[in-house]
C-alpha atoms as a PDB file:
ATOM      1  CA  MET A   1       3.938 -34.333  17.439  1.00  0.00           C
ATOM      2  CA  MET A   2       1.365 -31.970  18.958  1.00  0.00           C
ATOM      3  CA  THR A   3       3.933 -29.158  19.240  1.00  0.00           C
ATOM      4  CA  ILE A   4       4.702 -29.387  15.480  1.00  0.00           C
ATOM      5  CA  LEU A   5       1.023 -29.325  14.552  1.00  0.00           C
ATOM      6  CA  PHE A   6       0.500 -26.310  16.842  1.00  0.00           C
ATOM      7  CA  LYS A   7       3.439 -24.480  15.176  1.00  0.00           C
ATOM      8  CA  ILE A   8       2.063 -25.238  11.734  1.00  0.00           C
ATOM      9  CA  GLN A   9      -1.369 -24.020  12.734  1.00  0.00           C
ATOM     10  CA  SER A  10       0.088 -20.868  14.305  1.00  0.00           C
ATOM     11  CA  THR A  11       2.132 -20.194  11.139  1.00  0.00           C
ATOM     12  CA  LEU A  12      -0.988 -20.607   8.949  1.00  0.00           C
ATOM     13  CA  VAL A  13      -2.937 -18.192  11.150  1.00  0.00           C
ATOM     14  CA  LEU A  14      -0.110 -15.626  10.907  1.00  0.00           C
ATOM     15  CA  LEU A  15       0.099 -15.976   7.173  1.00  0.00           C
ATOM     16  CA  THR A  16      -3.607 -15.546   6.878  1.00  0.00           C
ATOM     17  CA  VAL A  17      -3.531 -12.370   8.955  1.00  0.00           C
ATOM     18  CA  LEU A  18      -0.518 -11.030   6.976  1.00  0.00           C
ATOM     19  CA  TYR A  19      -2.434 -11.763   3.715  1.00  0.00           C
ATOM     20  CA  LEU A  20      -5.485  -9.866   4.938  1.00  0.00           C
ATOM     21  CA  CYS A  21      -3.354  -6.944   6.001  1.00  0.00           C
ATOM     22  CA  ILE A  22      -1.664  -6.808   2.637  1.00  0.00           C
ATOM     23  CA  GLN A  23      -5.084  -6.845   0.916  1.00  0.00           C
ATOM     24  CA  GLU A  24      -6.247  -4.024   3.174  1.00  0.00           C
ATOM     25  CA  LEU A  25      -3.054  -2.045   2.487  1.00  0.00           C
ATOM     26  CA  SER A  26      -3.555  -2.578  -1.244  1.00  0.00           C
ATOM     27  CA  SER A  27      -7.140  -1.349  -1.183  1.00  0.00           C
ATOM     28  CA  PHE A  28      -6.097   1.603   0.986  1.00  0.00           C
ATOM     29  CA  MET A  29      -3.465   2.505  -1.561  1.00  0.00           C
ATOM     30  CA  GLU A  30      -6.072   2.499  -4.326  1.00  0.00           C
ATOM     31  CA  TYR A  31      -8.115   5.032  -2.329  1.00  0.00           C
ATOM     32  CA  VAL A  32      -5.029   7.168  -1.644  1.00  0.00           C
ATOM     33  CA  ASP A  33      -4.015   6.966  -5.293  1.00  0.00           C
ATOM     34  CA  LYS A  34      -7.434   8.258  -6.462  1.00  0.00           C
ATOM     35  CA  LEU A  35      -7.453  11.080  -3.891  1.00  0.00           C
ATOM     36  CA  ALA A  36      -3.874  12.153  -4.506  1.00  0.00           C
ATOM     37  CA  THR A  37      -4.389  12.067  -8.284  1.00  0.00           C
ATOM     38  CA  ALA A  38      -7.488  14.255  -7.971  1.00  0.00           C
ATOM     39  CA  ALA A  39      -5.617  16.637  -5.699  1.00  0.00           C
ATOM     40  CA  ALA A  40      -2.656  16.793  -8.082  1.00  0.00           C
ATOM     41  CA  GLU A  41      -4.901  17.494 -11.091  1.00  0.00           C
ATOM     42  CA  THR A  42      -6.672  20.289  -9.124  1.00  0.00           C
ATOM     43  CA  ALA A  43      -3.421  21.811  -8.080  1.00  0.00           C
ATOM     44  CA  TYR A  44      -2.235  21.715 -11.692  1.00  0.00           C
ATOM     45  CA  ILE A  45      -5.413  23.338 -12.957  1.00  0.00           C
ATOM     46  CA  GLY A  46      -5.110  25.919 -10.212  1.00  0.00           C
ATOM     47  CA  GLY A  47      -1.641  26.889 -11.418  1.00  0.00           C
ATOM     48  CA  ALA A  48       0.345  25.087  -8.762  1.00  0.00           C
ATOM     49  CA  GLU A  49       2.341  22.947 -11.219  1.00  0.00           C
ATOM     50  CA  HIS A  50       5.221  22.423  -8.775  1.00  0.00           C
ATOM     51  CA  MET A  51       2.874  21.152  -6.051  1.00  0.00           C
ATOM     52  CA  SER A  52       1.216  18.836  -8.550  1.00  0.00           C
ATOM     53  CA  THR A  53       4.662  17.398  -9.561  1.00  0.00           C
ATOM     54  CA  ILE A  54       5.607  16.898  -5.906  1.00  0.00           C
ATOM     55  CA  MET A  55       2.347  15.064  -5.172  1.00  0.00           C
ATOM     56  CA  CYS A  56       2.846  12.765  -8.162  1.00  0.00           C
ATOM     57  CA  GLU A  57       6.386  11.987  -7.110  1.00  0.00           C
ATOM     58  CA  THR A  58       5.314  11.280  -3.562  1.00  0.00           C
ATOM     59  CA  LEU A  59       2.572   8.949  -4.805  1.00  0.00           C
ATOM     60  CA  ASN A  60       5.014   7.072  -7.003  1.00  0.00           C
ATOM     61  CA  SER A  61       7.391   6.721  -4.051  1.00  0.00           C
ATOM     62  CA  ALA A  62       4.553   5.346  -1.897  1.00  0.00           C
ATOM     63  CA  HIS A  63       3.603   2.807  -4.602  1.00  0.00           C
ATOM     64  CA  ALA A  64       7.214   1.662  -4.827  1.00  0.00           C
ATOM     65  CA  LYS A  65       7.468   1.199  -1.057  1.00  0.00           C
ATOM     66  CA  VAL A  66       4.173  -0.757  -0.928  1.00  0.00           C
ATOM     67  CA  LYS A  67       5.306  -2.989  -3.813  1.00  0.00           C
ATOM     68  CA  ILE A  68       8.658  -3.673  -2.057  1.00  0.00           C
ATOM     69  CA  PHE A  69       6.752  -4.491   1.159  1.00  0.00           C
ATOM     70  CA  ILE A  70       4.393  -6.868  -0.615  1.00  0.00           C
ATOM     71  CA  THR A  71       7.237  -8.679  -2.434  1.00  0.00           C
ATOM     72  CA  GLN A  72       9.192  -9.132   0.796  1.00  0.00           C
ATOM     73  CA  HIS A  73       6.200 -10.629   2.571  1.00  0.00           C
END
């Protein structure tokens, strides 16, 4: 009985840690999104349209990967 309770408690602790990590990842992605968007806009204004496009595509790819990670966990 005690082993089952310990396993349940350990699982709850791990789920809590995973939830906090996902929250931290999500807020980190918000920061990265703002920074990359500003950099892409600056590149576009500076005439580097290709670089701006690449940055936006990279950002979209990162968002997709984070979304997949969150849905899997």
